[in-house]
Amino acid sequence: MPMPPESLITYPSPFPIKVMGTKVDGLVHAITLIAHQFDPTFDASLIELRESKGGKYLGVTITVTATSREQLDELYRTLSTHPLVKVVL
């Protein structure tokens, strides 16, 4: 049976995630709540915001402490399915 590829991430480690969503009240709060769900040590003061040129969208970069591939997969899935979120990178 072939071995799975080695992870490129050493756990635990800081892991930045960029979330794009429509610029509406509640977007950053929703992302913060989800981040805390998967990383109880999440520091919301490190959130970076970047508005789109037209001002319709907001890029939100969060940095979570990655503890496993499963945690990251579940975090991406949860963020991606949130109604205010358009893209997760």
Protein backbone atom coordinates (compact mmCIF):
# COMPACT_ATOMS: atom_id res chain seq x y z
CA MET A 1 0.00 0.00 0.00
CA PRO A 2 1.54 3.39 -0.99
CA MET A 3 2.37 5.84 1.77
CA PRO A 4 0.45 9.14 1.79
CA PRO A 5 2.55 12.15 0.81
CA GLU A 6 4.34 13.92 3.63
CA SER A 7 2.56 17.01 4.87
CA LEU A 8 4.26 20.27 3.89
CA ILE A 9 2.99 21.84 7.10
CA THR A 10 4.58 21.21 10.48
CA TYR A 11 1.88 21.12 13.16
CA PRO A 12 1.14 23.19 15.10
CA SER A 13 1.99 26.26 13.06
CA PRO A 14 0.52 29.64 12.11
CA PHE A 15 -1.50 29.29 8.91
CA PRO A 16 -2.90 32.30 6.99
CA ILE A 17 -6.25 31.94 5.23
CA LYS A 18 -7.71 34.56 2.90
CA VAL A 19 -11.49 34.84 2.84
CA MET A 20 -13.30 36.96 0.26
CA GLY A 21 -16.86 38.04 0.85
CA THR A 22 -19.40 40.70 0.07
CA LYS A 23 -18.62 43.80 2.14
CA VAL A 24 -21.52 43.72 4.59
CA ASP A 25 -21.91 44.17 8.34
CA GLY A 26 -21.27 40.89 10.08
CA LEU A 27 -18.77 39.39 7.61
CA VAL A 28 -15.68 39.88 9.77
CA HIS A 29 -17.59 38.86 12.91
CA ALA A 30 -18.81 35.65 11.24
CA ILE A 31 -15.30 34.77 10.07
CA THR A 32 -13.91 35.49 13.57
CA LEU A 33 -16.49 33.19 15.19
CA ILE A 34 -15.63 30.37 12.77
CA ALA A 35 -11.88 30.88 13.35
CA HIS A 36 -12.41 30.65 17.14
CA GLN A 37 -14.42 27.45 16.65
CA PHE A 38 -11.38 25.74 15.08
CA ASP A 39 -8.63 27.59 16.97
CA PRO A 40 -9.47 28.65 20.55
CA THR A 41 -6.24 30.70 20.62
CA PHE A 42 -7.21 32.72 17.51
CA ASP A 43 -6.14 36.37 17.85
CA ALA A 44 -8.66 38.63 16.10
CA SER A 45 -6.33 41.63 16.44
CA LEU A 46 -4.16 40.10 13.68
CA ILE A 47 -6.96 40.12 11.07
CA GLU A 48 -6.00 41.97 7.88
CA LEU A 49 -8.68 43.62 5.76
CA ARG A 50 -8.43 44.67 2.14
CA GLU A 51 -11.33 46.24 0.28
CA SER A 52 -11.87 45.58 -3.43
CA LYS A 53 -11.37 48.48 -5.84
CA GLY A 54 -15.10 48.94 -6.28
CA GLY A 55 -15.75 48.58 -2.55
CA LYS A 56 -18.25 45.76 -3.02
CA TYR A 57 -16.04 42.97 -1.62
CA LEU A 58 -13.77 42.59 1.36
CA GLY A 59 -10.70 40.38 1.65
CA VAL A 60 -10.19 39.13 5.20
CA THR A 61 -6.91 37.41 6.05
CA ILE A 62 -6.99 35.38 9.25
CA THR A 63 -4.08 33.46 10.75
CA VAL A 64 -5.04 30.36 12.68
CA THR A 65 -2.88 27.87 14.52
CA ALA A 66 -3.03 24.78 12.32
CA THR A 67 -3.04 21.59 14.37
CA SER A 68 -3.94 19.00 11.70
CA ARG A 69 -4.92 18.53 8.09
CA GLU A 70 -8.41 17.53 9.25
CA GLN A 71 -8.77 20.78 11.22
CA LEU A 72 -7.79 22.85 8.17
CA ASP A 73 -10.08 20.89 5.83
CA GLU A 74 -13.02 21.36 8.19
CA LEU A 75 -12.21 25.07 8.65
CA TYR A 76 -12.10 25.62 4.86
CA ARG A 77 -15.36 23.70 4.44
CA THR A 78 -17.10 25.72 7.17
CA LEU A 79 -15.89 29.06 5.81
CA SER A 80 -16.74 28.12 2.20
CA THR A 81 -20.32 27.22 3.05
CA HIS A 82 -21.04 30.44 4.97
CA PRO A 83 -23.61 32.54 3.06
CA LEU A 84 -21.54 35.76 3.25
CA VAL A 85 -18.36 34.11 1.96
CA LYS A 86 -17.58 33.96 -1.78
CA VAL A 87 -14.07 32.44 -1.88
CA VAL A 88 -11.60 30.88 0.56
CA LEU A 89 -7.92 30.71 -0.41
